[in-house]
Amino acid sequence: MIGTVIVPLDGSELAAQVLPYAQAIAEKSNVPLQLVWVVPEDGPASAKEEAQTYLRQQADAIGARAQISVRMGHPGEQIVNAADEATGPLIVMATHGRSGLSRLFSGSVAEHVVSESGAPVFLIRHETKDRQDGLVHTIAVPLDGSVYAEAALPYAKELARDFDAELLLVRVAETSQVYSMMSPEPVGAASAEAINEVTEQLVSETREYLETTAAALRAEGFNVKTEALEGFPADQLMALERQLAVNVIVMATHGRSGLGRIVFGSVADRILKNGTTPILMIKPSGEINEEKKG
């Protein structure tokens, strides 16, 4: 599935912090590692030569697996083009570059790459802890019962197999929706009992779904745990990230009811902006055409 690991760089330490992860994934998957530097069209004449020199230095340190590519134009567009030209691309990039907010790794460029590229995008924040070794021991996969959300599972499985990592399947029973529909007026005993029955059913369905999904993965030889939560998905997932030692979160850019057609503004965006764990975002098949039509 992963055929090429693409790493956009800009010469900064913050951008280069993704290299341990990118190199580990490329080695485990036995695929090429392509280092890309996008030179703005209005950049100085020496920019292209400086980019080539920097990329060669990085490639020499990595070894024969590394390839380099210097491109010119809009950073987001050129990163997407590089992925389109590659076989089985996985883009691994930092969310911030030179001076914390470079042209290459500003939020708008990351948003462009995630929303416009069909390739999975592995995003790493400068707050990420223990990023030096690039090792992956536990992979969290948020699910909501939809086919869209399950599009993340094949990539989670590949990483789990390559790194011999544990899969943690997570689903949040959105009981908050039940309580939000309640009238501000006091409810009677019968109404309260009905509300409790609905919430219990939601939690039960959540646990049943997770166990069914986990059983199928265990039958394939994976080490799988499950975590059923209640409340608002983004809040619960953020709390889980803080509580557990998760190395990577793998999730689709949208799930049930089209929530978050473009990842920024969605649950995944909350996790990306407020968390510290690296997050691999998967765009479900066909989503690109739907967005372009819409």
Protein backbone atom coordinates (compact mmCIF):
# COMPACT_ATOMS: atom_id res chain seq x y z
CA MET A 1 0.00 0.00 0.00
CA ILE A 2 2.76 2.44 0.94
CA GLY A 3 5.03 2.66 -2.10
CA THR A 4 6.84 5.97 -1.60
CA VAL A 5 7.40 8.16 1.46
CA ILE A 6 7.44 11.85 0.52
CA VAL A 7 8.98 14.37 2.93
CA PRO A 8 8.69 18.13 2.24
CA LEU A 9 11.60 20.05 3.78
CA ASP A 10 12.63 23.71 3.96
CA GLY A 11 16.01 23.63 5.69
CA SER A 12 14.66 24.17 9.20
CA GLU A 13 15.10 21.89 12.20
CA LEU A 14 11.36 21.91 12.77
CA ALA A 15 10.68 20.60 9.28
CA ALA A 16 13.45 17.99 9.58
CA GLN A 17 11.97 16.61 12.80
CA VAL A 18 9.78 14.32 10.71
CA LEU A 19 12.77 12.45 9.26
CA PRO A 20 13.04 9.78 12.01
CA TYR A 21 9.40 8.81 11.39
CA ALA A 22 9.70 9.00 7.60
CA GLN A 23 12.91 7.00 7.55
CA ALA A 24 11.53 4.35 9.90
CA ILE A 25 8.38 3.93 7.80
CA ALA A 26 10.35 3.78 4.55
CA GLU A 27 12.72 1.17 5.98
CA LYS A 28 9.94 -0.95 7.48
CA SER A 29 7.96 -0.78 4.22
CA ASN A 30 11.12 -1.18 2.11
CA VAL A 31 10.20 1.75 -0.14
CA PRO A 32 11.96 4.89 -1.46
CA LEU A 33 12.14 8.05 0.65
CA GLN A 34 11.72 11.16 -1.49
CA LEU A 35 12.93 14.46 -0.02
CA VAL A 36 11.17 17.46 -1.59
CA TRP A 37 11.98 21.17 -1.34
CA VAL A 38 9.61 23.64 -2.99
CA VAL A 39 11.30 26.85 -4.10
CA PRO A 40 8.86 29.80 -4.43
CA GLU A 41 8.84 31.37 -7.87
CA ASP A 42 9.70 34.73 -6.34
CA GLY A 43 12.64 33.30 -4.37
CA PRO A 44 16.28 34.42 -4.83
CA ALA A 45 18.35 33.02 -7.69
CA SER A 46 20.48 31.01 -5.27
CA ALA A 47 17.47 29.26 -3.67
CA LYS A 48 17.43 26.25 -5.98
CA GLU A 49 21.14 25.51 -5.51
CA GLU A 50 20.82 25.91 -1.72
CA ALA A 51 17.87 23.52 -1.72
CA GLN A 52 19.75 20.90 -3.74
CA THR A 53 22.78 21.14 -1.44
CA TYR A 54 20.66 20.72 1.68
CA LEU A 55 18.68 17.81 0.27
CA ARG A 56 21.85 16.01 -0.86
CA GLN A 57 23.26 16.31 2.65
CA GLN A 58 20.11 14.82 4.13
CA ALA A 59 20.01 12.08 1.51
CA ASP A 60 23.64 11.15 2.14
CA ALA A 61 22.89 10.79 5.84
CA ILE A 62 19.91 8.54 5.13
CA GLY A 63 21.51 6.28 2.52
CA ALA A 64 20.70 4.78 -0.86
CA ARG A 65 16.96 4.71 -0.17
CA ALA A 66 16.75 8.52 -0.28
CA GLN A 67 15.92 10.49 -3.42
CA ILE A 68 15.78 14.28 -3.81
CA SER A 69 13.50 16.60 -5.75
CA VAL A 70 13.59 20.40 -6.00
CA ARG A 71 10.39 21.88 -7.36
CA MET A 72 9.27 25.43 -8.07
CA GLY A 73 5.88 27.00 -7.47
CA HIS A 74 3.23 27.06 -4.77
CA PRO A 75 4.29 24.78 -1.88
CA GLY A 76 0.92 23.12 -1.33
CA GLU A 77 0.31 22.51 -5.02
CA GLN A 78 3.80 21.15 -5.62
CA ILE A 79 3.60 18.76 -2.66
CA VAL A 80 0.30 17.43 -4.03
CA ASN A 81 1.83 17.09 -7.50
CA ALA A 82 4.79 15.19 -6.12
CA ALA A 83 2.41 12.75 -4.45
CA ASP A 84 0.36 12.39 -7.64
CA GLU A 85 3.50 11.42 -9.55
CA ALA A 86 4.61 8.81 -7.01
CA THR A 87 3.57 5.20 -6.53
CA GLY A 88 1.62 4.55 -3.32
CA PRO A 89 2.55 7.92 -1.80
CA LEU A 90 2.57 8.70 1.91
CA ILE A 91 3.30 12.35 2.71
CA VAL A 92 5.15 12.91 5.99
CA MET A 93 5.42 16.56 6.97
CA ALA A 94 5.66 18.95 9.90
CA THR A 95 2.91 21.44 10.60
CA HIS A 96 5.43 24.23 11.18
CA GLY A 97 8.73 25.00 9.49
CA ARG A 98 11.31 27.80 9.59
CA SER A 99 10.63 30.34 12.37
CA GLY A 100 7.63 28.31 13.41
CA LEU A 101 5.46 29.55 10.56
CA SER A 102 7.23 29.20 7.23
CA ARG A 103 5.49 29.51 3.88
CA LEU A 104 5.92 25.79 3.41
CA PHE A 105 4.43 24.58 6.66
CA SER A 106 1.86 27.19 7.56
CA GLY A 107 -1.60 25.93 8.39
CA SER A 108 -2.97 26.91 5.01
CA VAL A 109 -0.41 24.75 3.18
CA ALA A 110 -1.09 21.78 5.44
CA GLU A 111 -4.81 22.27 4.87
CA HIS A 112 -4.25 22.42 1.12
CA VAL A 113 -2.25 19.20 1.12
CA VAL A 114 -4.75 17.29 3.25
CA SER A 115 -7.82 18.52 1.38
CA GLU A 116 -6.47 18.34 -2.18
CA SER A 117 -4.28 15.25 -2.17
CA GLY A 118 -5.70 11.76 -2.27
CA ALA A 119 -2.57 10.50 -0.52
CA PRO A 120 -2.49 9.84 3.22
CA VAL A 121 -0.76 12.65 5.13
CA PHE A 122 1.28 11.99 8.27
CA LEU A 123 1.46 15.25 10.26
CA ILE A 124 3.88 15.85 13.13
CA ARG A 125 3.78 18.84 15.47
CA HIS A 126 6.83 20.39 17.08
CA GLU A 127 5.27 19.51 20.45
CA THR A 128 5.52 15.80 19.65
CA LYS A 129 7.47 13.95 22.34
CA ASP A 130 10.02 11.20 21.73
CA ARG A 131 10.20 11.94 18.03
CA GLN A 132 13.89 11.17 17.70
CA ASP A 133 13.59 7.41 17.18
CA GLY A 134 10.44 7.38 15.05
CA LEU A 135 9.30 4.17 16.73
CA VAL A 136 5.65 3.19 16.90
CA HIS A 137 4.35 0.96 19.70
CA THR A 138 0.65 1.86 19.96
CA ILE A 139 -1.62 3.07 17.15
CA ALA A 140 -5.00 4.61 18.02
CA VAL A 141 -7.74 4.39 15.40
CA PRO A 142 -10.86 6.52 16.08
CA LEU A 143 -13.95 4.97 14.46
CA ASP A 144 -17.62 5.90 14.29
CA GLY A 145 -19.13 2.83 12.65
CA SER A 146 -19.05 4.26 9.13
CA VAL A 147 -17.31 2.92 6.04
CA TYR A 148 -15.59 6.30 5.68
CA ALA A 149 -13.98 6.09 9.11
CA GLU A 150 -12.93 2.49 8.49
CA ALA A 151 -10.88 3.68 5.50
CA ALA A 152 -8.15 4.33 8.07
CA LEU A 153 -7.90 0.67 9.08
CA PRO A 154 -5.79 -0.64 6.14
CA TYR A 155 -3.08 1.95 6.84
CA ALA A 156 -3.25 1.34 10.58
CA LYS A 157 -2.88 -2.38 9.92
CA GLU A 158 0.13 -1.85 7.66
CA LEU A 159 1.90 0.28 10.27
CA ALA A 160 0.99 -2.18 13.03
CA ARG A 161 2.37 -5.06 11.03
CA ASP A 162 5.57 -3.25 10.05
CA PHE A 163 6.30 -1.96 13.56
CA ASP A 164 4.80 -4.92 15.46
CA ALA A 165 2.59 -2.36 17.19
CA GLU A 166 -0.64 -2.63 19.14
CA LEU A 167 -3.88 -1.33 17.65
CA LEU A 168 -6.21 0.64 19.92
CA LEU A 169 -9.70 0.96 18.42
CA VAL A 170 -11.67 3.88 19.85
CA ARG A 171 -15.29 4.88 19.40
CA VAL A 172 -17.20 7.60 21.19
CA ALA A 173 -20.88 7.01 21.93
CA GLU A 174 -22.32 10.44 21.23
CA THR A 175 -24.59 10.49 24.26
CA SER A 176 -24.24 14.25 24.33
CA GLN A 177 -26.65 14.41 21.38
CA VAL A 178 -29.35 12.73 23.46
CA TYR A 179 -29.05 15.24 26.28
CA SER A 180 -28.88 18.18 23.88
CA MET A 181 -32.39 17.29 22.64
CA MET A 182 -33.83 17.43 26.14
CA SER A 183 -36.28 20.17 26.99
CA PRO A 184 -35.15 22.73 29.56
CA GLU A 185 -38.29 21.82 31.49
CA PRO A 186 -37.94 19.15 34.19
CA VAL A 187 -38.61 15.66 32.86
CA GLY A 188 -40.72 13.04 34.55
CA ALA A 189 -39.54 9.64 35.72
CA ALA A 190 -40.79 7.98 32.53
CA SER A 191 -38.95 10.46 30.29
CA ALA A 192 -35.76 10.13 32.31
CA GLU A 193 -35.97 6.35 32.04
CA ALA A 194 -36.44 6.60 28.27
CA ILE A 195 -33.38 8.85 27.97
CA ASN A 196 -31.31 6.43 30.04
CA GLU A 197 -32.42 3.55 27.83
CA VAL A 198 -31.34 5.42 24.70
CA THR A 199 -27.93 6.29 26.12
CA GLU A 200 -27.39 2.74 27.35
CA GLN A 201 -28.27 1.45 23.90
CA LEU A 202 -25.77 3.83 22.28
CA VAL A 203 -23.01 2.69 24.63
CA SER A 204 -23.91 -0.96 24.10
CA GLU A 205 -23.84 -0.56 20.32
CA THR A 206 -20.50 1.21 20.56
CA ARG A 207 -18.93 -1.59 22.57
CA GLU A 208 -20.43 -4.27 20.34
CA TYR A 209 -19.11 -2.57 17.21
CA LEU A 210 -15.62 -2.25 18.66
CA GLU A 211 -15.48 -5.86 19.80
CA THR A 212 -16.73 -7.14 16.42
CA THR A 213 -14.14 -5.06 14.59
CA ALA A 214 -11.40 -6.08 17.02
CA ALA A 215 -12.26 -9.77 16.69
CA ALA A 216 -11.80 -9.60 12.92
CA LEU A 217 -8.40 -7.95 13.36
CA ARG A 218 -7.31 -10.44 16.01
CA ALA A 219 -8.18 -13.23 13.59
CA GLU A 220 -5.63 -11.65 11.24
CA GLY A 221 -2.98 -11.85 13.95
CA PHE A 222 -3.06 -8.27 15.27
CA ASN A 223 -2.76 -7.30 18.92
CA VAL A 224 -5.90 -5.22 19.50
CA LYS A 225 -7.45 -3.36 22.40
CA THR A 226 -10.67 -1.33 22.43
CA GLU A 227 -11.81 1.81 24.23
CA ALA A 228 -15.49 2.82 24.33
CA LEU A 229 -16.07 6.42 25.42
CA GLU A 230 -19.09 8.69 25.93
CA GLY A 231 -19.66 12.35 25.14
CA PHE A 232 -18.36 14.73 22.49
CA PRO A 233 -15.96 12.88 20.12
CA ALA A 234 -13.28 15.58 19.92
CA ASP A 235 -13.22 16.17 23.69
CA GLN A 236 -13.08 12.47 24.52
CA LEU A 237 -10.38 11.71 21.96
CA MET A 238 -8.28 14.61 23.22
CA ALA A 239 -8.60 13.33 26.79
CA LEU A 240 -7.66 9.82 25.69
CA GLU A 241 -4.57 11.12 23.90
CA ARG A 242 -3.41 12.80 27.11
CA GLN A 243 -4.07 9.74 29.26
CA LEU A 244 -2.60 6.94 27.15
CA ALA A 245 0.83 6.42 25.62
CA VAL A 246 -0.25 6.55 21.97
CA ASN A 247 2.49 7.01 19.37
CA VAL A 248 0.32 7.60 16.30
CA ILE A 249 -3.34 8.38 15.62
CA VAL A 250 -4.66 7.07 12.29
CA MET A 251 -8.03 8.44 11.24
CA ALA A 252 -10.12 9.28 8.20
CA THR A 253 -10.76 12.89 7.28
CA HIS A 254 -14.49 12.42 7.69
CA GLY A 255 -16.96 9.84 8.89
CA ARG A 256 -20.66 9.42 9.54
CA SER A 257 -23.01 12.08 8.14
CA GLY A 258 -20.15 13.64 6.17
CA LEU A 259 -18.76 15.17 9.37
CA GLY A 260 -15.76 17.23 8.38
CA ARG A 261 -15.77 16.84 4.59
CA ILE A 262 -12.52 18.79 4.71
CA VAL A 263 -10.50 17.80 7.71
CA PHE A 264 -9.86 21.34 8.96
CA GLY A 265 -12.87 22.30 11.04
CA SER A 266 -13.62 18.66 11.87
CA VAL A 267 -12.90 16.40 14.83
CA ALA A 268 -9.55 15.52 13.26
CA ASP A 269 -8.69 19.19 13.10
CA ARG A 270 -9.33 19.57 16.84
CA ILE A 271 -6.96 16.71 17.56
CA LEU A 272 -4.34 18.08 15.18
CA LYS A 273 -4.42 21.61 16.57
CA ASN A 274 -4.67 20.79 20.25
CA GLY A 275 -2.86 17.48 20.59
CA THR A 276 0.77 16.47 20.37
CA THR A 277 0.56 12.95 18.97
CA PRO A 278 1.50 12.48 15.29
CA ILE A 279 -1.62 11.96 13.23
CA LEU A 280 -1.97 10.08 9.95
CA MET A 281 -4.96 11.41 8.01
CA ILE A 282 -6.60 9.18 5.42
CA LYS A 283 -8.91 10.54 2.75
CA PRO A 284 -11.59 7.93 1.93
CA SER A 285 -11.74 6.83 -1.69
CA GLY A 286 -13.97 9.02 -3.87
CA GLU A 287 -13.90 11.98 -1.48
CA ILE A 288 -11.84 14.12 -3.87
CA ASN A 289 -14.41 13.91 -6.65
CA GLU A 290 -17.23 14.63 -4.24
CA GLU A 291 -15.53 17.78 -2.99
CA LYS A 292 -14.72 19.03 -6.47
CA LYS A 293 -18.31 18.52 -7.54
CA GLY A 294 -19.61 20.24 -4.43
